[in-house]
Amino acid sequence: MAADRKSYYTALEKASRSSLDINSWLDYFADRVIRAQEIAKEEVDFVLAKTRFYGAFNDQLNERQRKMVARVFAEGRQGFKGGITTKKYVTITKCPNRTASRDLSDLLAKGIITPLPGGGRTTRYTLTILPPPVSLL
């Protein structure tokens, strides 16, 4: 990302202009390593949540619903911007509005999606994310 590149060059320039003290460069580098580890953990958590979701719900989904779920998961850990709406469902699955409403009602009744707070004119949903199993260790 451009912001990361700019901060990298700023830290590098600062370290090269000082005496032999490279502590600021080491601090910057350590922060980047820690952030990379956090991102890796988020990615692993996302993949595990996706696996738990499909393990729990895949056999309850029709083909249109599977297509929508796959599209939501394709957005990755950043999530599906704006939530799932009837209009987005129609666009992604190429089904009529009434079918989309019926499918979303079915998903809601099964606990596969949950409404997002805020309401407004359009109800928005998110996929139900199952927590990891409790470790006995």
N, C-alpha and C. Protein backbone atom coordinates (compact mmCIF):
# COMPACT_ATOMS: atom_id res chain seq x y z
N MET A 1 0.83 -1.18 0.00
CA MET A 1 0.00 0.00 0.00
C MET A 1 0.88 1.24 0.00
N ALA A 2 0.34 2.30 -0.56
CA ALA A 2 1.09 3.55 -0.70
C ALA A 2 1.45 4.14 0.67
N ALA A 3 0.53 4.06 1.62
CA ALA A 3 0.80 4.61 2.95
C ALA A 3 1.94 3.85 3.62
N ASP A 4 1.96 2.54 3.47
CA ASP A 4 3.04 1.73 4.04
C ASP A 4 4.36 2.06 3.38
N ARG A 5 4.33 2.25 2.08
CA ARG A 5 5.55 2.58 1.34
C ARG A 5 6.11 3.92 1.81
N LYS A 6 5.22 4.90 2.00
CA LYS A 6 5.65 6.22 2.44
C LYS A 6 6.27 6.15 3.84
N SER A 7 5.61 5.44 4.75
CA SER A 7 6.16 5.33 6.11
C SER A 7 7.48 4.56 6.12
N TYR A 8 7.61 3.59 5.21
CA TYR A 8 8.86 2.84 5.09
C TYR A 8 10.00 3.78 4.69
N TYR A 9 9.79 4.56 3.65
CA TYR A 9 10.84 5.47 3.18
C TYR A 9 11.13 6.56 4.21
N THR A 10 10.13 7.02 4.93
CA THR A 10 10.34 8.02 5.98
C THR A 10 11.21 7.43 7.08
N ALA A 11 10.89 6.22 7.53
CA ALA A 11 11.68 5.57 8.58
C ALA A 11 13.10 5.29 8.11
N LEU A 12 13.24 4.86 6.88
CA LEU A 12 14.56 4.58 6.33
C LEU A 12 15.40 5.85 6.22
N GLU A 13 14.79 6.92 5.77
CA GLU A 13 15.50 8.19 5.64
C GLU A 13 15.92 8.71 7.01
N LYS A 14 15.03 8.61 7.98
CA LYS A 14 15.33 9.06 9.34
C LYS A 14 16.50 8.28 9.92
N ALA A 15 16.51 6.97 9.69
CA ALA A 15 17.60 6.14 10.21
C ALA A 15 18.92 6.44 9.51
N SER A 16 18.87 6.75 8.23
CA SER A 16 20.12 6.98 7.49
C SER A 16 20.72 8.35 7.80
N ARG A 17 19.90 9.29 8.27
CA ARG A 17 20.39 10.63 8.57
C ARG A 17 20.95 10.76 9.98
N SER A 18 20.59 9.85 10.84
CA SER A 18 21.09 9.93 12.21
C SER A 18 22.48 9.31 12.30
N SER A 19 23.03 9.38 13.48
CA SER A 19 24.36 8.79 13.67
C SER A 19 24.24 7.28 13.52
N LEU A 20 24.90 6.55 14.31
CA LEU A 20 24.85 5.09 14.24
C LEU A 20 23.66 4.51 14.99
N ASP A 21 22.80 5.37 15.50
CA ASP A 21 21.62 4.92 16.24
C ASP A 21 20.52 4.50 15.26
N ILE A 22 20.27 3.23 15.22
CA ILE A 22 19.24 2.72 14.31
C ILE A 22 18.00 2.23 15.08
N ASN A 23 17.86 2.66 16.30
CA ASN A 23 16.73 2.22 17.11
C ASN A 23 15.38 2.56 16.47
N SER A 24 15.27 3.75 15.89
CA SER A 24 13.99 4.11 15.27
C SER A 24 13.67 3.19 14.09
N TRP A 25 14.71 2.80 13.33
CA TRP A 25 14.50 1.87 12.23
C TRP A 25 14.09 0.49 12.75
N LEU A 26 14.73 0.04 13.81
CA LEU A 26 14.39 -1.26 14.39
C LEU A 26 12.96 -1.23 14.95
N ASP A 27 12.57 -0.11 15.57
CA ASP A 27 11.20 0.02 16.07
C ASP A 27 10.20 -0.08 14.92
N TYR A 28 10.49 0.66 13.84
CA TYR A 28 9.61 0.63 12.67
C TYR A 28 9.53 -0.80 12.11
N PHE A 29 10.66 -1.43 11.94
CA PHE A 29 10.70 -2.77 11.37
C PHE A 29 9.95 -3.77 12.26
N ALA A 30 10.15 -3.68 13.56
CA ALA A 30 9.46 -4.58 14.49
C ALA A 30 7.94 -4.36 14.43
N ASP A 31 7.52 -3.10 14.32
CA ASP A 31 6.09 -2.81 14.19
C ASP A 31 5.51 -3.44 12.93
N ARG A 32 6.24 -3.39 11.82
CA ARG A 32 5.78 -3.98 10.56
C ARG A 32 5.69 -5.50 10.68
N VAL A 33 6.66 -6.11 11.35
CA VAL A 33 6.63 -7.56 11.54
C VAL A 33 5.42 -7.95 12.39
N ILE A 34 5.18 -7.20 13.45
CA ILE A 34 4.02 -7.49 14.31
C ILE A 34 2.72 -7.34 13.52
N ARG A 35 2.62 -6.28 12.72
CA ARG A 35 1.40 -6.07 11.92
C ARG A 35 1.22 -7.20 10.91
N ALA A 36 2.30 -7.65 10.31
CA ALA A 36 2.22 -8.78 9.37
C ALA A 36 1.72 -10.04 10.07
N GLN A 37 2.15 -10.25 11.29
CA GLN A 37 1.69 -11.40 12.06
C GLN A 37 0.20 -11.27 12.39
N GLU A 38 -0.23 -10.06 12.72
CA GLU A 38 -1.65 -9.82 13.01
C GLU A 38 -2.50 -10.11 11.78
N ILE A 39 -2.04 -9.64 10.63
CA ILE A 39 -2.78 -9.88 9.38
C ILE A 39 -2.84 -11.37 9.08
N ALA A 40 -1.73 -12.07 9.27
CA ALA A 40 -1.70 -13.52 9.04
C ALA A 40 -2.68 -14.23 9.97
N LYS A 41 -2.74 -13.82 11.22
CA LYS A 41 -3.69 -14.41 12.18
C LYS A 41 -5.13 -14.13 11.76
N GLU A 42 -5.40 -12.91 11.31
CA GLU A 42 -6.74 -12.56 10.84
C GLU A 42 -7.14 -13.43 9.64
N GLU A 43 -6.20 -13.65 8.74
CA GLU A 43 -6.47 -14.49 7.57
C GLU A 43 -6.78 -15.93 7.98
N VAL A 44 -5.98 -16.47 8.89
CA VAL A 44 -6.21 -17.84 9.37
C VAL A 44 -7.55 -17.92 10.09
N ASP A 45 -7.86 -16.95 10.93
CA ASP A 45 -9.15 -16.93 11.63
C ASP A 45 -10.31 -16.88 10.65
N PHE A 46 -10.15 -16.09 9.58
CA PHE A 46 -11.19 -15.98 8.56
C PHE A 46 -11.41 -17.33 7.87
N VAL A 47 -10.34 -17.99 7.47
CA VAL A 47 -10.45 -19.28 6.79
C VAL A 47 -11.09 -20.32 7.72
N LEU A 48 -10.72 -20.30 8.98
CA LEU A 48 -11.32 -21.24 9.93
C LEU A 48 -12.80 -20.95 10.14
N ALA A 49 -13.18 -19.66 10.23
CA ALA A 49 -14.58 -19.29 10.37
C ALA A 49 -15.38 -19.72 9.15
N LYS A 50 -14.80 -19.55 7.98
CA LYS A 50 -15.45 -19.97 6.73
C LYS A 50 -15.66 -21.48 6.72
N THR A 51 -14.66 -22.21 7.16
CA THR A 51 -14.75 -23.67 7.23
C THR A 51 -15.85 -24.10 8.21
N ARG A 52 -15.89 -23.45 9.38
CA ARG A 52 -16.95 -23.76 10.36
C ARG A 52 -18.33 -23.45 9.78
N PHE A 53 -18.43 -22.32 9.08
CA PHE A 53 -19.71 -21.93 8.49
C PHE A 53 -20.20 -23.00 7.51
N TYR A 54 -19.33 -23.38 6.57
CA TYR A 54 -19.74 -24.38 5.58
C TYR A 54 -20.01 -25.73 6.24
N GLY A 55 -19.25 -26.08 7.26
CA GLY A 55 -19.50 -27.33 7.96
C GLY A 55 -20.86 -27.36 8.63
N ALA A 56 -21.29 -26.23 9.14
CA ALA A 56 -22.57 -26.15 9.85
C ALA A 56 -23.76 -25.94 8.92
N PHE A 57 -23.56 -25.17 7.83
CA PHE A 57 -24.72 -24.72 7.05
C PHE A 57 -24.78 -25.17 5.60
N ASN A 58 -23.72 -25.70 5.03
CA ASN A 58 -23.69 -25.96 3.59
C ASN A 58 -24.84 -26.85 3.12
N ASP A 59 -25.20 -27.85 3.90
CA ASP A 59 -26.26 -28.76 3.47
C ASP A 59 -27.65 -28.13 3.56
N GLN A 60 -27.75 -26.93 4.15
CA GLN A 60 -29.04 -26.24 4.28
C GLN A 60 -29.23 -25.16 3.21
N LEU A 61 -28.24 -25.00 2.33
CA LEU A 61 -28.28 -23.93 1.33
C LEU A 61 -28.72 -24.46 -0.03
N ASN A 62 -29.56 -23.69 -0.72
CA ASN A 62 -29.86 -24.03 -2.11
C ASN A 62 -28.77 -23.42 -3.00
N GLU A 63 -28.82 -23.66 -4.29
CA GLU A 63 -27.75 -23.20 -5.19
C GLU A 63 -27.62 -21.67 -5.19
N ARG A 64 -28.74 -20.96 -5.18
CA ARG A 64 -28.68 -19.49 -5.16
C ARG A 64 -28.02 -19.01 -3.87
N GLN A 65 -28.43 -19.60 -2.78
CA GLN A 65 -27.87 -19.22 -1.48
C GLN A 65 -26.37 -19.51 -1.43
N ARG A 66 -25.97 -20.64 -1.96
CA ARG A 66 -24.53 -20.98 -2.01
C ARG A 66 -23.76 -19.93 -2.82
N LYS A 67 -24.37 -19.51 -3.94
CA LYS A 67 -23.72 -18.51 -4.79
C LYS A 67 -23.54 -17.20 -4.02
N MET A 68 -24.54 -16.79 -3.27
CA MET A 68 -24.46 -15.56 -2.49
C MET A 68 -23.42 -15.69 -1.38
N VAL A 69 -23.44 -16.79 -0.68
CA VAL A 69 -22.47 -17.01 0.40
C VAL A 69 -21.05 -17.01 -0.14
N ALA A 70 -20.85 -17.67 -1.26
CA ALA A 70 -19.51 -17.69 -1.88
C ALA A 70 -19.07 -16.29 -2.24
N ARG A 71 -19.99 -15.47 -2.72
CA ARG A 71 -19.65 -14.09 -3.09
C ARG A 71 -19.29 -13.28 -1.85
N VAL A 72 -20.00 -13.48 -0.76
CA VAL A 72 -19.69 -12.79 0.49
C VAL A 72 -18.30 -13.20 0.98
N PHE A 73 -18.02 -14.49 0.97
CA PHE A 73 -16.72 -14.96 1.43
C PHE A 73 -15.59 -14.53 0.49
N ALA A 74 -15.90 -14.30 -0.78
CA ALA A 74 -14.88 -13.87 -1.72
C ALA A 74 -14.29 -12.50 -1.34
N GLU A 75 -15.01 -11.73 -0.56
CA GLU A 75 -14.52 -10.43 -0.12
C GLU A 75 -13.42 -10.56 0.94
N GLY A 76 -13.27 -11.75 1.49
CA GLY A 76 -12.20 -11.97 2.46
C GLY A 76 -12.53 -11.40 3.82
N ARG A 77 -11.49 -11.22 4.60
CA ARG A 77 -11.67 -10.81 6.00
C ARG A 77 -12.19 -9.38 6.13
N GLN A 78 -12.10 -8.59 5.06
CA GLN A 78 -12.63 -7.23 5.12
C GLN A 78 -14.15 -7.22 5.16
N GLY A 79 -14.75 -8.28 4.69
CA GLY A 79 -16.20 -8.41 4.74
C GLY A 79 -16.90 -7.86 3.52
N PHE A 80 -18.19 -8.10 3.46
CA PHE A 80 -19.04 -7.73 2.34
C PHE A 80 -19.58 -6.33 2.62
N LYS A 81 -19.08 -5.36 1.90
CA LYS A 81 -19.40 -3.96 2.15
C LYS A 81 -20.90 -3.69 2.04
N GLY A 82 -21.45 -3.09 3.08
CA GLY A 82 -22.86 -2.73 3.08
C GLY A 82 -23.80 -3.85 3.46
N GLY A 83 -23.28 -5.04 3.68
CA GLY A 83 -24.12 -6.16 4.06
C GLY A 83 -24.86 -6.76 2.88
N ILE A 84 -25.59 -7.80 3.15
CA ILE A 84 -26.38 -8.50 2.15
C ILE A 84 -27.75 -7.84 2.11
N THR A 85 -28.19 -7.46 0.92
CA THR A 85 -29.52 -6.89 0.74
C THR A 85 -30.26 -7.70 -0.32
N THR A 86 -31.56 -7.49 -0.39
CA THR A 86 -32.34 -8.17 -1.42
C THR A 86 -31.84 -7.77 -2.81
N LYS A 87 -31.55 -6.50 -3.00
CA LYS A 87 -31.08 -6.01 -4.29
C LYS A 87 -29.76 -6.68 -4.68
N LYS A 88 -28.81 -6.78 -3.74
CA LYS A 88 -27.53 -7.44 -4.03
C LYS A 88 -27.75 -8.92 -4.32
N TYR A 89 -28.66 -9.53 -3.57
CA TYR A 89 -28.96 -10.94 -3.78
C TYR A 89 -29.47 -11.17 -5.19
N VAL A 90 -30.40 -10.30 -5.64
CA VAL A 90 -30.95 -10.40 -7.00
C VAL A 90 -29.84 -10.25 -8.03
N THR A 91 -28.96 -9.27 -7.83
CA THR A 91 -27.88 -9.01 -8.78
C THR A 91 -26.92 -10.19 -8.87
N ILE A 92 -26.55 -10.74 -7.74
CA ILE A 92 -25.56 -11.82 -7.71
C ILE A 92 -26.14 -13.15 -8.21
N THR A 93 -27.37 -13.45 -7.81
CA THR A 93 -27.94 -14.76 -8.15
C THR A 93 -28.78 -14.73 -9.42
N LYS A 94 -29.07 -13.53 -9.92
CA LYS A 94 -29.88 -13.38 -11.15
C LYS A 94 -31.26 -14.03 -10.99
N CYS A 95 -31.85 -13.86 -9.82
CA CYS A 95 -33.18 -14.40 -9.57
C CYS A 95 -34.17 -13.24 -9.39
N PRO A 96 -35.47 -13.52 -9.47
CA PRO A 96 -36.46 -12.47 -9.24
C PRO A 96 -36.43 -11.96 -7.79
N ASN A 97 -36.93 -10.76 -7.61
CA ASN A 97 -36.95 -10.13 -6.30
C ASN A 97 -37.71 -10.98 -5.27
N ARG A 98 -38.83 -11.54 -5.66
CA ARG A 98 -39.62 -12.36 -4.72
C ARG A 98 -38.85 -13.60 -4.28
N THR A 99 -38.11 -14.20 -5.21
CA THR A 99 -37.30 -15.37 -4.88
C THR A 99 -36.19 -14.97 -3.92
N ALA A 100 -35.57 -13.83 -4.17
CA ALA A 100 -34.51 -13.34 -3.28
C ALA A 100 -35.06 -13.12 -1.88
N SER A 101 -36.22 -12.49 -1.77
CA SER A 101 -36.83 -12.25 -0.46
C SER A 101 -37.13 -13.56 0.25
N ARG A 102 -37.64 -14.53 -0.49
CA ARG A 102 -37.94 -15.84 0.09
C ARG A 102 -36.67 -16.54 0.56
N ASP A 103 -35.61 -16.49 -0.27
CA ASP A 103 -34.34 -17.11 0.11
C ASP A 103 -33.75 -16.44 1.35
N LEU A 104 -33.79 -15.12 1.40
CA LEU A 104 -33.24 -14.41 2.56
C LEU A 104 -34.06 -14.72 3.82
N SER A 105 -35.37 -14.80 3.69
CA SER A 105 -36.22 -15.17 4.84
C SER A 105 -35.87 -16.56 5.34
N ASP A 106 -35.63 -17.46 4.40
CA ASP A 106 -35.23 -18.83 4.75
C ASP A 106 -33.90 -18.83 5.51
N LEU A 107 -32.93 -18.08 5.00
CA LEU A 107 -31.62 -17.99 5.67
C LEU A 107 -31.76 -17.40 7.07
N LEU A 108 -32.60 -16.39 7.20
CA LEU A 108 -32.82 -15.76 8.50
C LEU A 108 -33.47 -16.73 9.48
N ALA A 109 -34.48 -17.46 9.01
CA ALA A 109 -35.18 -18.43 9.86
C ALA A 109 -34.24 -19.53 10.34
N LYS A 110 -33.28 -19.91 9.50
CA LYS A 110 -32.33 -20.97 9.85
C LYS A 110 -31.16 -20.45 10.69
N GLY A 111 -31.09 -19.14 10.89
CA GLY A 111 -29.98 -18.57 11.66
C GLY A 111 -28.69 -18.46 10.87
N ILE A 112 -28.77 -18.54 9.56
CA ILE A 112 -27.58 -18.50 8.72
C ILE A 112 -27.15 -17.05 8.47
N ILE A 113 -28.11 -16.14 8.49
CA ILE A 113 -27.82 -14.71 8.41
C ILE A 113 -28.47 -14.01 9.58
N THR A 114 -27.94 -12.85 9.92
CA THR A 114 -28.52 -12.03 10.99
C THR A 114 -28.62 -10.59 10.48
N PRO A 115 -29.68 -9.88 10.91
CA PRO A 115 -29.82 -8.49 10.47
C PRO A 115 -28.72 -7.61 11.06
N LEU A 116 -28.26 -6.67 10.26
CA LEU A 116 -27.30 -5.69 10.75
C LEU A 116 -28.06 -4.58 11.44
N PRO A 117 -27.49 -4.00 12.49
CA PRO A 117 -28.17 -2.89 13.16
C PRO A 117 -28.24 -1.67 12.24
N GLY A 118 -29.20 -0.81 12.51
CA GLY A 118 -29.31 0.42 11.74
C GLY A 118 -30.56 0.46 10.90
N GLY A 119 -30.98 -0.66 10.42
CA GLY A 119 -32.22 -0.71 9.64
C GLY A 119 -32.24 0.24 8.46
N GLY A 120 -33.05 1.28 8.58
CA GLY A 120 -33.23 2.17 7.44
C GLY A 120 -34.28 1.60 6.51
N ARG A 121 -34.26 2.04 5.27
CA ARG A 121 -35.24 1.58 4.29
C ARG A 121 -35.01 0.14 3.87
N THR A 122 -33.76 -0.27 3.86
CA THR A 122 -33.42 -1.61 3.38
C THR A 122 -32.81 -2.42 4.53
N THR A 123 -33.33 -3.62 4.73
CA THR A 123 -32.75 -4.50 5.74
C THR A 123 -31.46 -5.08 5.17
N ARG A 124 -30.42 -5.02 5.98
CA ARG A 124 -29.11 -5.56 5.57
C ARG A 124 -28.76 -6.70 6.53
N TYR A 125 -28.13 -7.70 5.96
CA TYR A 125 -27.79 -8.89 6.73
C TYR A 125 -26.30 -9.17 6.65
N THR A 126 -25.86 -9.97 7.61
CA THR A 126 -24.50 -10.49 7.59
C THR A 126 -24.57 -11.98 7.85
N LEU A 127 -23.56 -12.70 7.40
CA LEU A 127 -23.52 -14.14 7.67
C LEU A 127 -23.27 -14.37 9.16
N THR A 128 -23.86 -15.41 9.67
CA THR A 128 -23.63 -15.79 11.06
C THR A 128 -22.26 -16.44 11.15
N ILE A 129 -21.42 -15.87 11.98
CA ILE A 129 -20.07 -16.42 12.17
C ILE A 129 -20.08 -17.26 13.44
N LEU A 130 -19.75 -18.50 13.29
CA LEU A 130 -19.73 -19.42 14.42
C LEU A 130 -18.42 -19.27 15.19
N PRO A 131 -18.49 -19.24 16.51
CA PRO A 131 -17.27 -19.13 17.30
C PRO A 131 -16.46 -20.41 17.22
N PRO A 132 -15.17 -20.30 17.46
CA PRO A 132 -14.34 -21.53 17.45
C PRO A 132 -14.75 -22.42 18.61
N PRO A 133 -14.52 -23.72 18.45
CA PRO A 133 -14.87 -24.63 19.55
C PRO A 133 -14.00 -24.32 20.78
N VAL A 134 -14.56 -24.58 21.94
CA VAL A 134 -13.86 -24.33 23.18
C VAL A 134 -12.77 -25.39 23.36
N SER A 135 -11.57 -24.92 23.63
CA SER A 135 -10.44 -25.85 23.84
C SER A 135 -10.44 -26.32 25.27
N LEU A 136 -10.18 -27.58 25.45
CA LEU A 136 -10.13 -28.14 26.80
C LEU A 136 -8.72 -28.10 27.38
N LEU A 137 -7.78 -27.58 26.64
CA LEU A 137 -6.39 -27.50 27.13
C LEU A 137 -6.16 -26.30 27.97
